């Protein structure tokens, strides 16, 4: 579920909801309602949340790939290093 993936990505990033609120300018209540599936955010709000978390848009929206962009970047670096060896 979309809302659960936002929370999962936030937790994977090691952020609490207050930190995401501070980074996005969205209220804690709004974010909690989104994560709880009680509110459908606008595309702009999702974009702000995903960016603040450093989450993969594909993961949050489609449920595909890894939760965090950094995970994908780390894996790409490891693959490049392995290929260079």
N, C-alpha and C. Protein backbone atom coordinates (compact mmCIF):
# COMPACT_ATOMS: atom_id res chain seq x y z
N UNK A 1 0.84 -1.19 0.00
CA UNK A 1 0.00 0.00 0.00
C UNK A 1 0.88 1.25 0.00
N UNK A 2 0.47 2.22 -0.75
CA UNK A 2 1.20 3.47 -0.93
C UNK A 2 1.59 4.12 0.40
N UNK A 3 0.63 4.26 1.29
CA UNK A 3 0.89 4.93 2.58
C UNK A 3 1.93 4.17 3.39
N UNK A 4 1.84 2.88 3.40
CA UNK A 4 2.80 2.06 4.13
C UNK A 4 4.21 2.17 3.58
N UNK A 5 4.31 2.33 2.27
CA UNK A 5 5.64 2.47 1.65
C UNK A 5 6.29 3.80 1.99
N UNK A 6 5.49 4.85 2.16
CA UNK A 6 6.06 6.13 2.60
C UNK A 6 6.65 5.97 3.99
N UNK A 7 5.91 5.35 4.88
CA UNK A 7 6.40 5.14 6.24
C UNK A 7 7.63 4.23 6.23
N UNK A 8 7.58 3.17 5.46
CA UNK A 8 8.71 2.24 5.37
C UNK A 8 9.97 2.97 4.88
N UNK A 9 9.84 3.79 3.86
CA UNK A 9 10.99 4.54 3.33
C UNK A 9 11.50 5.53 4.37
N UNK A 10 10.59 6.21 5.06
CA UNK A 10 11.00 7.17 6.09
C UNK A 10 11.79 6.47 7.19
N UNK A 11 11.28 5.34 7.64
CA UNK A 11 11.97 4.60 8.69
C UNK A 11 13.31 4.05 8.20
N UNK A 12 13.37 3.60 6.95
CA UNK A 12 14.63 3.11 6.38
C UNK A 12 15.67 4.21 6.32
N UNK A 13 15.19 5.45 6.13
CA UNK A 13 16.10 6.60 6.08
C UNK A 13 16.53 7.04 7.47
N UNK A 14 15.92 6.45 8.51
CA UNK A 14 16.26 6.82 9.87
C UNK A 14 15.70 8.17 10.30
N UNK A 15 14.60 8.56 9.67
CA UNK A 15 13.99 9.86 9.98
C UNK A 15 12.71 9.65 10.78
N UNK A 16 12.47 10.56 11.71
CA UNK A 16 11.16 10.52 12.37
C UNK A 16 10.25 11.50 11.64
N UNK A 17 8.99 11.41 11.96
CA UNK A 17 8.00 12.19 11.23
C UNK A 17 8.20 13.70 11.42
N UNK A 18 8.71 14.10 12.58
CA UNK A 18 8.98 15.51 12.82
C UNK A 18 10.08 16.04 11.90
N UNK A 19 11.09 15.22 11.64
CA UNK A 19 12.17 15.63 10.73
C UNK A 19 11.65 15.81 9.31
N UNK A 20 10.80 14.90 8.89
CA UNK A 20 10.22 15.02 7.55
C UNK A 20 9.33 16.25 7.48
N UNK A 21 8.60 16.52 8.54
CA UNK A 21 7.77 17.72 8.59
C UNK A 21 8.63 18.97 8.43
N UNK A 22 9.73 19.01 9.14
CA UNK A 22 10.63 20.16 9.06
C UNK A 22 11.21 20.33 7.66
N UNK A 23 11.57 19.21 7.03
CA UNK A 23 12.18 19.28 5.70
C UNK A 23 11.18 19.64 4.60
N UNK A 24 9.92 19.28 4.80
CA UNK A 24 8.92 19.48 3.75
C UNK A 24 8.04 20.69 3.96
N UNK A 25 7.93 21.15 5.20
CA UNK A 25 6.99 22.22 5.50
C UNK A 25 5.57 21.71 5.66
N UNK A 26 5.40 20.39 5.64
CA UNK A 26 4.09 19.78 5.85
C UNK A 26 3.93 19.48 7.34
N UNK A 27 2.71 19.55 7.83
CA UNK A 27 2.51 19.34 9.26
C UNK A 27 2.68 17.86 9.63
N UNK A 28 3.02 17.64 10.88
CA UNK A 28 3.15 16.27 11.39
C UNK A 28 1.81 15.55 11.24
N UNK A 29 0.74 16.23 11.54
CA UNK A 29 -0.60 15.61 11.43
C UNK A 29 -0.88 15.19 9.98
N UNK A 30 -0.56 16.06 9.03
CA UNK A 30 -0.75 15.73 7.62
C UNK A 30 0.04 14.48 7.25
N UNK A 31 1.31 14.47 7.64
CA UNK A 31 2.17 13.33 7.33
C UNK A 31 1.67 12.05 7.99
N UNK A 32 1.24 12.15 9.24
CA UNK A 32 0.71 10.98 9.95
C UNK A 32 -0.56 10.47 9.26
N UNK A 33 -1.40 11.38 8.80
CA UNK A 33 -2.62 10.98 8.09
C UNK A 33 -2.29 10.32 6.76
N UNK A 34 -1.28 10.81 6.07
CA UNK A 34 -0.84 10.18 4.82
C UNK A 34 -0.31 8.79 5.11
N UNK A 35 0.60 8.68 6.08
CA UNK A 35 1.19 7.38 6.42
C UNK A 35 0.14 6.40 6.92
N UNK A 36 -0.89 6.88 7.55
CA UNK A 36 -1.95 6.03 8.08
C UNK A 36 -3.01 5.69 7.05
N UNK A 37 -2.87 6.24 5.84
CA UNK A 37 -3.84 5.96 4.78
C UNK A 37 -5.14 6.69 4.93
N UNK A 38 -5.18 7.69 5.80
CA UNK A 38 -6.41 8.44 6.03
C UNK A 38 -6.55 9.64 5.09
N UNK A 39 -5.50 9.94 4.36
CA UNK A 39 -5.48 11.11 3.50
C UNK A 39 -4.69 10.79 2.24
N UNK A 40 -5.22 11.17 1.10
CA UNK A 40 -4.52 11.01 -0.17
C UNK A 40 -3.83 12.34 -0.50
N UNK A 41 -2.51 12.37 -0.47
CA UNK A 41 -1.81 13.63 -0.73
C UNK A 41 -1.79 13.96 -2.22
N UNK A 42 -1.58 15.22 -2.51
CA UNK A 42 -1.42 15.64 -3.90
C UNK A 42 -0.08 15.12 -4.43
N UNK A 43 0.06 15.15 -5.74
CA UNK A 43 1.32 14.74 -6.35
C UNK A 43 2.46 15.61 -5.83
N UNK A 44 2.22 16.91 -5.70
CA UNK A 44 3.25 17.82 -5.20
C UNK A 44 3.68 17.45 -3.79
N UNK A 45 2.72 17.11 -2.93
CA UNK A 45 3.05 16.71 -1.56
C UNK A 45 3.87 15.42 -1.55
N UNK A 46 3.48 14.46 -2.40
CA UNK A 46 4.25 13.21 -2.48
C UNK A 46 5.66 13.50 -2.94
N UNK A 47 5.79 14.35 -3.92
CA UNK A 47 7.11 14.72 -4.43
C UNK A 47 7.97 15.34 -3.32
N UNK A 48 7.39 16.20 -2.52
CA UNK A 48 8.13 16.82 -1.40
C UNK A 48 8.54 15.79 -0.37
N UNK A 49 7.64 14.88 -0.04
CA UNK A 49 7.93 13.84 0.96
C UNK A 49 9.03 12.93 0.46
N UNK A 50 8.89 12.44 -0.77
CA UNK A 50 9.87 11.52 -1.35
C UNK A 50 11.24 12.17 -1.41
N UNK A 51 11.30 13.43 -1.81
CA UNK A 51 12.56 14.15 -1.90
C UNK A 51 13.19 14.32 -0.52
N UNK A 52 12.39 14.68 0.47
CA UNK A 52 12.91 14.89 1.83
C UNK A 52 13.46 13.61 2.43
N UNK A 53 12.81 12.50 2.12
CA UNK A 53 13.23 11.21 2.67
C UNK A 53 14.44 10.66 1.92
N UNK A 54 14.57 11.04 0.65
CA UNK A 54 15.60 10.44 -0.20
C UNK A 54 15.13 9.10 -0.71
N UNK A 55 13.81 8.99 -0.84
CA UNK A 55 13.21 7.73 -1.24
C UNK A 55 13.16 7.59 -2.75
N UNK A 56 13.03 6.36 -3.18
CA UNK A 56 12.82 6.05 -4.58
C UNK A 56 11.35 6.28 -4.90
N UNK A 57 11.09 7.12 -5.90
CA UNK A 57 9.72 7.39 -6.31
C UNK A 57 9.05 6.11 -6.79
N UNK A 58 9.80 5.27 -7.50
CA UNK A 58 9.26 3.99 -7.98
C UNK A 58 8.82 3.11 -6.82
N UNK A 59 9.61 3.10 -5.75
CA UNK A 59 9.25 2.29 -4.60
C UNK A 59 7.98 2.82 -3.95
N UNK A 60 7.92 4.11 -3.72
CA UNK A 60 6.77 4.69 -3.01
C UNK A 60 5.50 4.57 -3.83
N UNK A 61 5.56 4.89 -5.11
CA UNK A 61 4.36 4.89 -5.93
C UNK A 61 4.00 3.50 -6.45
N UNK A 62 4.99 2.78 -6.96
CA UNK A 62 4.73 1.51 -7.64
C UNK A 62 5.04 0.27 -6.81
N UNK A 63 5.79 0.47 -5.72
CA UNK A 63 6.19 -0.67 -4.92
C UNK A 63 7.31 -1.47 -5.55
N UNK A 64 8.08 -0.84 -6.44
CA UNK A 64 9.16 -1.52 -7.14
C UNK A 64 10.51 -0.95 -6.71
N UNK A 65 11.51 -1.80 -6.67
CA UNK A 65 12.86 -1.36 -6.36
C UNK A 65 13.08 -1.22 -4.86
N UNK A 66 14.12 -0.50 -4.53
CA UNK A 66 14.50 -0.30 -3.13
C UNK A 66 13.85 0.96 -2.57
N UNK A 67 13.74 1.01 -1.26
CA UNK A 67 13.06 2.13 -0.60
C UNK A 67 13.81 3.44 -0.77
N UNK A 68 15.15 3.39 -0.68
CA UNK A 68 15.93 4.62 -0.69
C UNK A 68 16.82 4.71 -1.93
N UNK A 69 16.92 5.91 -2.47
CA UNK A 69 17.78 6.13 -3.63
C UNK A 69 19.23 5.79 -3.30
N UNK A 70 19.66 6.07 -2.09
CA UNK A 70 21.05 5.80 -1.71
C UNK A 70 21.35 4.31 -1.81
N UNK A 71 20.38 3.47 -1.51
CA UNK A 71 20.58 2.03 -1.63
C UNK A 71 20.88 1.67 -3.08
N UNK A 72 20.14 2.27 -4.02
CA UNK A 72 20.39 2.01 -5.44
C UNK A 72 21.76 2.52 -5.85
N UNK A 73 22.14 3.70 -5.36
CA UNK A 73 23.44 4.27 -5.69
C UNK A 73 24.56 3.42 -5.13
N UNK A 74 24.41 2.96 -3.89
CA UNK A 74 25.42 2.10 -3.28
C UNK A 74 25.59 0.81 -4.07
N UNK A 75 24.48 0.23 -4.50
CA UNK A 75 24.55 -1.01 -5.27
C UNK A 75 25.23 -0.77 -6.62
N UNK A 76 24.97 0.35 -7.26
CA UNK A 76 25.60 0.67 -8.54
C UNK A 76 27.11 0.82 -8.37
N UNK A 77 27.54 1.47 -7.29
CA UNK A 77 28.96 1.64 -7.02
C UNK A 77 29.61 0.29 -6.79
N UNK A 78 28.97 -0.57 -6.00
CA UNK A 78 29.51 -1.91 -5.77
C UNK A 78 29.63 -2.69 -7.07
N UNK A 79 28.66 -2.59 -7.94
CA UNK A 79 28.70 -3.28 -9.23
C UNK A 79 29.83 -2.75 -10.10
N UNK A 80 30.03 -1.43 -10.10
CA UNK A 80 31.13 -0.83 -10.86
C UNK A 80 32.48 -1.28 -10.31
N UNK A 81 32.61 -1.33 -9.00
CA UNK A 81 33.86 -1.78 -8.39
C UNK A 81 34.13 -3.24 -8.70
N UNK A 82 33.09 -4.05 -8.67
CA UNK A 82 33.25 -5.48 -8.97
C UNK A 82 33.65 -5.67 -10.43
N UNK A 83 33.07 -4.87 -11.32
CA UNK A 83 33.40 -4.99 -12.74
C UNK A 83 34.82 -4.53 -13.02
N UNK A 84 35.31 -3.56 -12.23
CA UNK A 84 36.65 -3.04 -12.44
C UNK A 84 37.72 -3.98 -11.88
N UNK A 85 37.31 -4.89 -11.01
CA UNK A 85 38.28 -5.82 -10.38
C UNK A 85 38.70 -6.91 -11.31
